[in-house]
């Protein structure tokens, strides 16, 4: 497995995640591609000086790239080094209970679920409450129902299947990620995980939750507080709705 994580001035969180990855019992990454999206020279030197139980490739971007472009770049770097069987996309702000191994559980889910092309864990906040990381494709009508004062944020019931999951922690076989061409780099922030999940399913693959995998991730929801992020979110939705992927998804699967 190759794990890709990106730090955008999040050196302390990325360092903690590297330590957690190094302490995993059993199956863990053979390679970690750490992308520094903005300069963090002290953190880069700290990472390179440390002794890791896996190969760490520290990439320092000359200029910031988008979420998808950074992970695609990491996937390409792993390919240059021989290519791992599995590719994990990770946010630097995730964590899990000491002694557990969500990645081993996600790998089992991929291997045991027919046509599984993407595995993901249950995401909880710091208090252990489930996050709404499993969602329906964001049509305008669904967004209205979700964000209206009377709306329901949890779109997926216990027995329902999501149509997309956020990419804070996902695991894919390398062959699947390559078949999809990775993330669509036209989405700079927001929307790229929706697009990836829809394309994955349109290509005949399934998403599967690993029931034994549990991580802590407190969603930032910057678009709820920051006008710039809100505008990026709106632009990404507009791009998604005008895409051939959305047209095909709407025609084949989408219900109001």
C-alpha atoms as a PDB file:
ATOM      1  CA  UNK A   1       0.000   0.000   0.000  1.00  0.00           C
ATOM      2  CA  UNK A   2       1.033   3.552  -0.762  1.00  0.00           C
ATOM      3  CA  UNK A   3      -0.511   6.250   1.432  1.00  0.00           C
ATOM      4  CA  UNK A   4      -0.787   9.791   0.102  1.00  0.00           C
ATOM      5  CA  UNK A   5      -1.162  12.724   2.463  1.00  0.00           C
ATOM      6  CA  UNK A   6      -0.935  16.438   1.794  1.00  0.00           C
ATOM      7  CA  UNK A   7       0.108  19.152   4.205  1.00  0.00           C
ATOM      8  CA  UNK A   8      -1.014  22.695   3.500  1.00  0.00           C
ATOM      9  CA  UNK A   9       0.745  24.216   6.490  1.00  0.00           C
ATOM     10  CA  UNK A  10      -0.454  21.268   8.626  1.00  0.00           C
ATOM     11  CA  UNK A  11       2.934  19.914   9.586  1.00  0.00           C
ATOM     12  CA  UNK A  12       2.000  19.063  13.177  1.00  0.00           C
ATOM     13  CA  UNK A  13      -1.033  17.032  12.091  1.00  0.00           C
ATOM     14  CA  UNK A  14       0.872  15.339   9.259  1.00  0.00           C
ATOM     15  CA  UNK A  15       3.694  14.407  11.652  1.00  0.00           C
ATOM     16  CA  UNK A  16       1.200  12.863  14.068  1.00  0.00           C
ATOM     17  CA  UNK A  17      -0.368  10.894  11.221  1.00  0.00           C
ATOM     18  CA  UNK A  18       3.031   9.615  10.079  1.00  0.00           C
ATOM     19  CA  UNK A  19       3.665   8.419  13.624  1.00  0.00           C
ATOM     20  CA  UNK A  20       0.304   6.623  13.682  1.00  0.00           C
ATOM     21  CA  UNK A  21       1.025   4.958  10.356  1.00  0.00           C
ATOM     22  CA  UNK A  22       4.413   3.811  11.624  1.00  0.00           C
ATOM     23  CA  UNK A  23       2.802   2.288  14.730  1.00  0.00           C
ATOM     24  CA  UNK A  24       0.130   0.317  12.863  1.00  0.00           C
ATOM     25  CA  UNK A  25      -0.001  -3.341  13.861  1.00  0.00           C
ATOM     26  CA  UNK A  26       0.107  -5.719  10.926  1.00  0.00           C
ATOM     27  CA  UNK A  27      -0.550  -4.441   7.428  1.00  0.00           C
ATOM     28  CA  UNK A  28       0.663  -0.888   6.874  1.00  0.00           C
ATOM     29  CA  UNK A  29       2.025   1.269   4.048  1.00  0.00           C
ATOM     30  CA  UNK A  30       5.175   0.275   2.271  1.00  0.00           C
ATOM     31  CA  UNK A  31       5.452   3.813   0.992  1.00  0.00           C
ATOM     32  CA  UNK A  32       4.092   7.185   2.093  1.00  0.00           C
ATOM     33  CA  UNK A  33       4.065  10.126  -0.281  1.00  0.00           C
ATOM     34  CA  UNK A  34       3.927  13.325   1.747  1.00  0.00           C
ATOM     35  CA  UNK A  35       3.203  16.413  -0.336  1.00  0.00           C
ATOM     36  CA  UNK A  36       4.041  19.817   1.105  1.00  0.00           C
ATOM     37  CA  UNK A  37       1.670  22.064  -0.775  1.00  0.00           C
ATOM     38  CA  UNK A  38       3.226  25.228   0.645  1.00  0.00           C
ATOM     39  CA  UNK A  39       6.770  25.641   1.991  1.00  0.00           C
ATOM     40  CA  UNK A  40       7.419  23.978   5.353  1.00  0.00           C
ATOM     41  CA  UNK A  41      11.234  23.612   5.331  1.00  0.00           C
ATOM     42  CA  UNK A  42      11.603  22.723   9.012  1.00  0.00           C
ATOM     43  CA  UNK A  43       8.916  20.048   8.785  1.00  0.00           C
ATOM     44  CA  UNK A  44      10.417  18.652   5.568  1.00  0.00           C
ATOM     45  CA  UNK A  45      13.822  18.383   7.235  1.00  0.00           C
ATOM     46  CA  UNK A  46      12.262  16.720  10.293  1.00  0.00           C
ATOM     47  CA  UNK A  47      10.543  14.113   8.135  1.00  0.00           C
ATOM     48  CA  UNK A  48      13.636  13.355   6.090  1.00  0.00           C
ATOM     49  CA  UNK A  49      15.811  13.014   9.189  1.00  0.00           C
ATOM     50  CA  UNK A  50      13.480  10.545  10.930  1.00  0.00           C
ATOM     51  CA  UNK A  51      13.790   6.764  10.747  1.00  0.00           C
ATOM     52  CA  UNK A  52      10.592   5.307   9.289  1.00  0.00           C
ATOM     53  CA  UNK A  53       9.512   1.689   8.822  1.00  0.00           C
ATOM     54  CA  UNK A  54       8.387   2.582   5.286  1.00  0.00           C
ATOM     55  CA  UNK A  55       9.719   4.564   2.352  1.00  0.00           C
ATOM     56  CA  UNK A  56       8.798   8.245   2.701  1.00  0.00           C
ATOM     57  CA  UNK A  57       8.780  10.375  -0.411  1.00  0.00           C
ATOM     58  CA  UNK A  58       8.545  14.054   0.548  1.00  0.00           C
ATOM     59  CA  UNK A  59       7.420  16.223  -2.364  1.00  0.00           C
ATOM     60  CA  UNK A  60       7.671  20.011  -2.125  1.00  0.00           C
ATOM     61  CA  UNK A  61       5.457  21.836  -4.612  1.00  0.00           C
ATOM     62  CA  UNK A  62       6.837  24.915  -6.308  1.00  0.00           C
ATOM     63  CA  UNK A  63       3.281  26.315  -6.253  1.00  0.00           C
ATOM     64  CA  UNK A  64       0.165  25.028  -4.479  1.00  0.00           C
ATOM     65  CA  UNK A  65      -1.885  22.424  -6.296  1.00  0.00           C
ATOM     66  CA  UNK A  66      -5.476  21.329  -5.781  1.00  0.00           C
ATOM     67  CA  UNK A  67      -6.570  18.320  -3.739  1.00  0.00           C
ATOM     68  CA  UNK A  68      -6.932  15.976  -6.694  1.00  0.00           C
ATOM     69  CA  UNK A  69      -3.773  17.120  -8.457  1.00  0.00           C
ATOM     70  CA  UNK A  70      -1.701  16.492  -5.330  1.00  0.00           C
ATOM     71  CA  UNK A  71      -2.976  12.941  -4.878  1.00  0.00           C
ATOM     72  CA  UNK A  72      -2.613  12.167  -8.582  1.00  0.00           C
ATOM     73  CA  UNK A  73       0.971  13.402  -8.354  1.00  0.00           C
ATOM     74  CA  UNK A  74       1.564  11.082  -5.400  1.00  0.00           C
ATOM     75  CA  UNK A  75       0.046   8.162  -7.323  1.00  0.00           C
ATOM     76  CA  UNK A  76       2.402   8.875 -10.221  1.00  0.00           C
ATOM     77  CA  UNK A  77       5.409   9.036  -7.872  1.00  0.00           C
ATOM     78  CA  UNK A  78       4.453   5.662  -6.393  1.00  0.00           C
ATOM     79  CA  UNK A  79       4.224   4.279  -9.933  1.00  0.00           C
ATOM     80  CA  UNK A  80       7.726   5.521 -10.684  1.00  0.00           C
ATOM     81  CA  UNK A  81       8.928   3.488  -7.694  1.00  0.00           C
ATOM     82  CA  UNK A  82       7.283   0.269  -8.864  1.00  0.00           C
ATOM     83  CA  UNK A  83       3.636   0.836  -7.957  1.00  0.00           C
ATOM     84  CA  UNK A  84       1.933  -0.459  -4.805  1.00  0.00           C
ATOM     85  CA  UNK A  85      -1.056  -2.811  -4.995  1.00  0.00           C
ATOM     86  CA  UNK A  86      -3.274  -0.381  -3.052  1.00  0.00           C
ATOM     87  CA  UNK A  87      -3.468   3.411  -2.875  1.00  0.00           C
ATOM     88  CA  UNK A  88      -4.789   5.254   0.182  1.00  0.00           C
ATOM     89  CA  UNK A  89      -5.883   8.896   0.157  1.00  0.00           C
ATOM     90  CA  UNK A  90      -5.628  10.441   3.632  1.00  0.00           C
ATOM     91  CA  UNK A  91      -6.310  13.790   5.254  1.00  0.00           C
ATOM     92  CA  UNK A  92      -3.620  14.810   7.740  1.00  0.00           C
ATOM     93  CA  UNK A  93      -6.217  15.407  10.481  1.00  0.00           C
ATOM     94  CA  UNK A  94      -7.466  11.821  10.837  1.00  0.00           C
ATOM     95  CA  UNK A  95      -6.717   9.497  13.766  1.00  0.00           C
ATOM     96  CA  UNK A  96      -7.739   6.106  15.085  1.00  0.00           C
ATOM     97  CA  UNK A  97      -7.620   4.201  18.357  1.00  0.00           C
ATOM     98  CA  UNK A  98      -4.222   2.888  19.358  1.00  0.00           C
ATOM     99  CA  UNK A  99      -3.854  -0.779  18.473  1.00  0.00           C
ATOM    100  CA  UNK A 100      -6.522  -0.737  15.748  1.00  0.00           C
ATOM    101  CA  UNK A 101      -5.765  -0.930  12.032  1.00  0.00           C
ATOM    102  CA  UNK A 102      -8.454   0.591   9.796  1.00  0.00           C
ATOM    103  CA  UNK A 103      -6.384  -0.085   6.674  1.00  0.00           C
ATOM    104  CA  UNK A 104      -6.245  -3.823   7.227  1.00  0.00           C
ATOM    105  CA  UNK A 105     -10.027  -3.774   7.709  1.00  0.00           C
ATOM    106  CA  UNK A 106     -10.515  -1.777   4.517  1.00  0.00           C
ATOM    107  CA  UNK A 107      -8.309  -4.187   2.583  1.00  0.00           C
ATOM    108  CA  UNK A 108     -10.387  -7.129   3.826  1.00  0.00           C
ATOM    109  CA  UNK A 109     -13.555  -5.337   2.765  1.00  0.00           C
ATOM    110  CA  UNK A 110     -12.155  -4.843  -0.732  1.00  0.00           C
ATOM    111  CA  UNK A 111     -11.123  -8.468  -0.985  1.00  0.00           C
ATOM    112  CA  UNK A 112     -14.404  -9.846   0.374  1.00  0.00           C
ATOM    113  CA  UNK A 113     -16.888  -7.625  -1.483  1.00  0.00           C
ATOM    114  CA  UNK A 114     -17.611  -8.501  -5.124  1.00  0.00           C
ATOM    115  CA  UNK A 115     -16.670  -5.693  -7.530  1.00  0.00           C
ATOM    116  CA  UNK A 116     -15.445  -3.493  -4.678  1.00  0.00           C
ATOM    117  CA  UNK A 117     -13.292  -0.676  -6.000  1.00  0.00           C
ATOM    118  CA  UNK A 118     -13.177   1.658  -2.988  1.00  0.00           C
ATOM    119  CA  UNK A 119     -13.285   0.985   0.744  1.00  0.00           C
ATOM    120  CA  UNK A 120     -13.847   3.516   3.486  1.00  0.00           C
ATOM    121  CA  UNK A 121     -14.156   3.550   7.296  1.00  0.00           C
ATOM    122  CA  UNK A 122     -16.814   4.855   9.645  1.00  0.00           C
ATOM    123  CA  UNK A 123     -15.917   8.473  10.433  1.00  0.00           C
ATOM    124  CA  UNK A 124     -16.611   9.889  13.887  1.00  0.00           C
ATOM    125  CA  UNK A 125     -15.902  13.185  15.590  1.00  0.00           C
ATOM    126  CA  UNK A 126     -13.759  13.534  18.699  1.00  0.00           C
ATOM    127  CA  UNK A 127     -16.731  12.611  20.903  1.00  0.00           C
ATOM    128  CA  UNK A 128     -17.413   9.429  18.949  1.00  0.00           C
ATOM    129  CA  UNK A 129     -20.490  10.691  17.102  1.00  0.00           C
ATOM    130  CA  UNK A 130     -20.808   9.432  13.506  1.00  0.00           C
ATOM    131  CA  UNK A 131     -20.045  12.052  10.879  1.00  0.00           C
ATOM    132  CA  UNK A 132     -22.207  12.513   7.778  1.00  0.00           C
ATOM    133  CA  UNK A 133     -19.392  11.297   5.513  1.00  0.00           C
ATOM    134  CA  UNK A 134     -21.723   8.992   3.530  1.00  0.00           C
ATOM    135  CA  UNK A 135     -24.061  10.943   1.289  1.00  0.00           C
ATOM    136  CA  UNK A 136     -26.341  10.962  -1.716  1.00  0.00           C
ATOM    137  CA  UNK A 137     -25.281  12.597  -4.970  1.00  0.00           C
ATOM    138  CA  UNK A 138     -25.794  16.346  -4.395  1.00  0.00           C
ATOM    139  CA  UNK A 139     -28.644  17.297  -6.714  1.00  0.00           C
ATOM    140  CA  UNK A 140     -30.120  20.788  -6.184  1.00  0.00           C
ATOM    141  CA  UNK A 141     -33.302  19.287  -4.710  1.00  0.00           C
ATOM    142  CA  UNK A 142     -31.344  17.141  -2.286  1.00  0.00           C
ATOM    143  CA  UNK A 143     -29.168  20.051  -1.199  1.00  0.00           C
ATOM    144  CA  UNK A 144     -32.272  22.098  -0.506  1.00  0.00           C
ATOM    145  CA  UNK A 145     -33.698  19.315   1.644  1.00  0.00           C
ATOM    146  CA  UNK A 146     -30.365  18.884   3.402  1.00  0.00           C
ATOM    147  CA  UNK A 147     -29.622  22.505   4.259  1.00  0.00           C
ATOM    148  CA  UNK A 148     -33.110  23.879   4.783  1.00  0.00           C
ATOM    149  CA  UNK A 149     -33.862  24.764   8.433  1.00  0.00           C
ATOM    150  CA  UNK A 150     -36.028  21.655   8.648  1.00  0.00           C
ATOM    151  CA  UNK A 151     -33.563  19.535   6.682  1.00  0.00           C
ATOM    152  CA  UNK A 152     -31.894  16.308   7.717  1.00  0.00           C
ATOM    153  CA  UNK A 153     -28.098  16.243   7.545  1.00  0.00           C
ATOM    154  CA  UNK A 154     -27.800  12.454   7.850  1.00  0.00           C
ATOM    155  CA  UNK A 155     -28.907  11.323   4.396  1.00  0.00           C
ATOM    156  CA  UNK A 156     -27.962   7.662   4.680  1.00  0.00           C
ATOM    157  CA  UNK A 157     -29.841   5.298   6.971  1.00  0.00           C
ATOM    158  CA  UNK A 158     -28.424   2.163   8.543  1.00  0.00           C
ATOM    159  CA  UNK A 159     -29.465  -0.022   5.599  1.00  0.00           C
ATOM    160  CA  UNK A 160     -29.052   2.473   2.768  1.00  0.00           C
ATOM    161  CA  UNK A 161     -26.055   2.719   0.471  1.00  0.00           C
ATOM    162  CA  UNK A 162     -24.266   6.020  -0.100  1.00  0.00           C
ATOM    163  CA  UNK A 163     -23.651   7.393  -3.569  1.00  0.00           C
ATOM    164  CA  UNK A 164     -20.439   9.101  -2.525  1.00  0.00           C
ATOM    165  CA  UNK A 165     -18.173   9.351   0.503  1.00  0.00           C
ATOM    166  CA  UNK A 166     -15.716  12.065   1.423  1.00  0.00           C
ATOM    167  CA  UNK A 167     -12.091  11.334   0.663  1.00  0.00           C
ATOM    168  CA  UNK A 168     -10.619  11.962   4.110  1.00  0.00           C
ATOM    169  CA  UNK A 169      -9.697   8.266   4.240  1.00  0.00           C
ATOM    170  CA  UNK A 170     -10.269   5.929   1.309  1.00  0.00           C
ATOM    171  CA  UNK A 171      -8.459   2.876  -0.050  1.00  0.00           C
ATOM    172  CA  UNK A 172      -8.504   1.733  -3.675  1.00  0.00           C
ATOM    173  CA  UNK A 173      -6.724  -1.014  -5.580  1.00  0.00           C
ATOM    174  CA  UNK A 174      -4.063   0.580  -7.728  1.00  0.00           C
ATOM    175  CA  UNK A 175      -5.642  -0.847 -10.884  1.00  0.00           C
ATOM    176  CA  UNK A 176      -8.978   0.838 -10.112  1.00  0.00           C
ATOM    177  CA  UNK A 177      -7.426   4.248  -9.431  1.00  0.00           C
ATOM    178  CA  UNK A 178      -5.455   3.934 -12.670  1.00  0.00           C
ATOM    179  CA  UNK A 179      -8.544   2.884 -14.650  1.00  0.00           C
ATOM    180  CA  UNK A 180     -10.411   5.967 -13.433  1.00  0.00           C
ATOM    181  CA  UNK A 181      -7.481   8.253 -14.124  1.00  0.00           C
ATOM    182  CA  UNK A 182      -7.483   9.333 -10.488  1.00  0.00           C
ATOM    183  CA  UNK A 183      -9.169  12.550  -9.436  1.00  0.00           C
ATOM    184  CA  UNK A 184     -10.430  15.085 -11.947  1.00  0.00           C
ATOM    185  CA  UNK A 185      -7.956  17.924 -11.446  1.00  0.00           C
ATOM    186  CA  UNK A 186     -10.467  20.439 -12.758  1.00  0.00           C
ATOM    187  CA  UNK A 187     -11.922  20.453  -9.238  1.00  0.00           C
ATOM    188  CA  UNK A 188      -9.487  22.459  -7.158  1.00  0.00           C
ATOM    189  CA  UNK A 189     -11.331  22.028  -3.865  1.00  0.00           C
ATOM    190  CA  UNK A 190     -14.673  20.302  -3.176  1.00  0.00           C
ATOM    191  CA  UNK A 191     -16.457  18.039  -5.617  1.00  0.00           C
ATOM    192  CA  UNK A 192     -13.524  15.866  -6.617  1.00  0.00           C
ATOM    193  CA  UNK A 193     -14.524  13.073  -4.230  1.00  0.00           C
ATOM    194  CA  UNK A 194     -18.136  13.181  -5.468  1.00  0.00           C
ATOM    195  CA  UNK A 195     -16.928  12.968  -9.066  1.00  0.00           C
ATOM    196  CA  UNK A 196     -14.525  10.094  -8.294  1.00  0.00           C
ATOM    197  CA  UNK A 197     -17.208   8.054  -6.522  1.00  0.00           C
ATOM    198  CA  UNK A 198     -19.733   8.572  -9.319  1.00  0.00           C
ATOM    199  CA  UNK A 199     -17.216   7.638 -12.024  1.00  0.00           C
ATOM    200  CA  UNK A 200     -16.162   4.585 -10.036  1.00  0.00           C
ATOM    201  CA  UNK A 201     -19.748   3.303  -9.870  1.00  0.00           C
ATOM    202  CA  UNK A 202     -20.498   4.147 -13.488  1.00  0.00           C
ATOM    203  CA  UNK A 203     -17.461   2.021 -14.394  1.00  0.00           C
ATOM    204  CA  UNK A 204     -19.056  -0.968 -12.647  1.00  0.00           C
ATOM    205  CA  UNK A 205     -17.260  -0.816  -9.288  1.00  0.00           C
ATOM    206  CA  UNK A 206     -18.807  -0.649  -5.828  1.00  0.00           C
ATOM    207  CA  UNK A 207     -17.979   1.325  -2.711  1.00  0.00           C
ATOM    208  CA  UNK A 208     -17.863  -0.659   0.501  1.00  0.00           C
ATOM    209  CA  UNK A 209     -17.743   0.436   4.109  1.00  0.00           C
ATOM    210  CA  UNK A 210     -15.311  -1.605   6.196  1.00  0.00           C
ATOM    211  CA  UNK A 211     -17.397  -2.399   9.296  1.00  0.00           C
ATOM    212  CA  UNK A 212     -14.358  -2.865  11.530  1.00  0.00           C
ATOM    213  CA  UNK A 213     -12.627   0.337  10.399  1.00  0.00           C
ATOM    214  CA  UNK A 214     -13.260   3.439  12.486  1.00  0.00           C
ATOM    215  CA  UNK A 215     -11.428   6.747  12.367  1.00  0.00           C
ATOM    216  CA  UNK A 216     -11.768  10.116  14.047  1.00  0.00           C
ATOM    217  CA  UNK A 217     -12.161  13.061  11.697  1.00  0.00           C
ATOM    218  CA  UNK A 218     -13.741  16.352  12.623  1.00  0.00           C
ATOM    219  CA  UNK A 219     -14.864  17.839   9.319  1.00  0.00           C
ATOM    220  CA  UNK A 220     -13.633  21.407   8.951  1.00  0.00           C
ATOM    221  CA  UNK A 221     -16.663  22.664   6.969  1.00  0.00           C
ATOM    222  CA  UNK A 222     -14.719  25.781   5.979  1.00  0.00           C
ATOM    223  CA  UNK A 223     -17.310  26.571   3.323  1.00  0.00           C
ATOM    224  CA  UNK A 224     -19.833  27.193   6.117  1.00  0.00           C
ATOM    225  CA  UNK A 225     -17.675  29.929   7.645  1.00  0.00           C
ATOM    226  CA  UNK A 226     -15.421  31.315   4.918  1.00  0.00           C
ATOM    227  CA  UNK A 227     -16.811  33.186   1.918  1.00  0.00           C
ATOM    228  CA  UNK A 228     -13.894  32.170  -0.297  1.00  0.00           C
ATOM    229  CA  UNK A 229     -14.397  28.489   0.493  1.00  0.00           C
ATOM    230  CA  UNK A 230     -18.152  28.849   0.002  1.00  0.00           C
ATOM    231  CA  UNK A 231     -17.577  30.265  -3.492  1.00  0.00           C
ATOM    232  CA  UNK A 232     -15.182  27.398  -4.294  1.00  0.00           C
ATOM    233  CA  UNK A 233     -17.886  24.985  -3.156  1.00  0.00           C
ATOM    234  CA  UNK A 234     -20.499  26.621  -5.396  1.00  0.00           C
ATOM    235  CA  UNK A 235     -18.113  26.635  -8.367  1.00  0.00           C
ATOM    236  CA  UNK A 236     -17.380  22.934  -7.852  1.00  0.00           C
ATOM    237  CA  UNK A 237     -21.076  22.074  -7.708  1.00  0.00           C
ATOM    238  CA  UNK A 238     -21.707  24.054 -10.879  1.00  0.00           C
ATOM    239  CA  UNK A 239     -18.843  22.231 -12.609  1.00  0.00           C
ATOM    240  CA  UNK A 240     -20.151  18.869 -11.415  1.00  0.00           C
ATOM    241  CA  UNK A 241     -23.713  19.533 -12.602  1.00  0.00           C
ATOM    242  CA  UNK A 242     -22.486  20.552 -16.056  1.00  0.00           C
ATOM    243  CA  UNK A 243     -20.206  17.524 -16.458  1.00  0.00           C
ATOM    244  CA  UNK A 244     -20.794  14.434 -18.649  1.00  0.00           C
ATOM    245  CA  UNK A 245     -20.359  12.348 -15.498  1.00  0.00           C
ATOM    246  CA  UNK A 246     -23.326  14.033 -13.834  1.00  0.00           C
ATOM    247  CA  UNK A 247     -25.419  13.728 -16.982  1.00  0.00           C
ATOM    248  CA  UNK A 248     -24.735  10.004 -17.192  1.00  0.00           C
ATOM    249  CA  UNK A 249     -25.328   9.499 -13.463  1.00  0.00           C
ATOM    250  CA  UNK A 250     -28.592  11.421 -13.599  1.00  0.00           C
ATOM    251  CA  UNK A 251     -29.795   9.445 -16.592  1.00  0.00           C
ATOM    252  CA  UNK A 252     -28.860   6.036 -15.204  1.00  0.00           C
ATOM    253  CA  UNK A 253     -29.258   6.170 -11.450  1.00  0.00           C
ATOM    254  CA  UNK A 254     -30.311   9.458  -9.877  1.00  0.00           C
ATOM    255  CA  UNK A 255     -33.683   9.696  -8.211  1.00  0.00           C
ATOM    256  CA  UNK A 256     -34.984  12.921  -6.585  1.00  0.00           C
END
